[in-house]
Amino acid sequence: MANSLIRDKLARGEFFAAPGIQDMITAVIARQIGFEIVYASGFWMTASAHGLPDAGIATYTQMVERVRTLAQTVGSAAVIADADTGYGGLLNVHYTVRGYEQAGASAVQLEDQEFPKKCGHTPFKRVISANDMVEKIRVALEARLYPESTLIIARTDALASEGFEATLRRCEAYAEAGADIIFLEAPQTEEQMRTACKRIRKPMMANMSDGGLTPIRSARELEAIGYRCAIYPAGASLAAAEAARRSLQMLRDEGRMSGGDVKLYDFKQFCSQIGFEEVWAFERRWAPGSKKE
């Protein structure tokens, strides 16, 4: 059964911000901090698992297994899962939605790019027709195993090629088709963000992608603009990459991996978070020669 937390928050009018999770170390930390909703970023999960760009190279099978592992790792948190274009035609969309649900996703995000897709903040994106995307949304909605809890997020990447007004018309069509959340990718000004939120009569999701095309705003500011939720897909990944770069450079230059302004996460704390205390308790009970309770 899918986690209904996202649908419940939207029903209550409660804004939420979901951090992007690129690997299971970050998932463990997000769980410990207490995030209730996380985002399975296609860009960053592909990069962390395979060292590849977000250009339609990772397969459905690879991504659904990453989503499954993430859902298991974050425990009770709800997962928004990036499903790219649905990995093919309408039949692929049908099985993608079901596979992501069975993997533990509470919201499945589909986009209107042609396959192979591209990162929404990079060039050379091409989009399918609005009518074709409407069909994808309808198939996705009907495919859900748990329609009372699973949400379908419809993303459009049309802004770069079709302009703002045409992109708004796409958003309206996707909302009319029944998408639960609308995701207009890569608006370049706050005025565009505000106009979209006023115009579209469905919950709007903001993408706060550090280094991307959209102005970065805090969760409080986004709520005031009119968004109902936001994803922050890149921040933790870029922070981890910068920390790794600095530590590795120190090893190359100085023969050590920490010191000065290069800090490391506490090893004992991480061992506890990752579950070693449960392993040690098991060993104390079941190891040869131990006293059984």
Foldseek 3Di string as FASTA:
>chain_A
DAQQVVVVCVVVLHEEEAEADQDLLVLLVCLVVPAQEHEDDPQRVCCVPPVDGLFLPDALVRQLVRLLVSQVRSDNHAYEYECEALRDALVSLLVSLVSNVVSHHQEYEHEFWDPPAHPLQDDDTHGDDLVRLLSSLLSSCVSDPCNVGHFYEYEYSCCVPPNLVVLLVSLQSNVVSPHQEYEYPQDQDLVSLLVSLVSHPHAYEAEQEVPGRHDHDDSVVSVVSRHRYYYHNCDVVVVVVVLVVQQVVCCVPPVGRDDDPNDDDDPVVSCVSVPVVVVVVCCQQDPPPHDHD
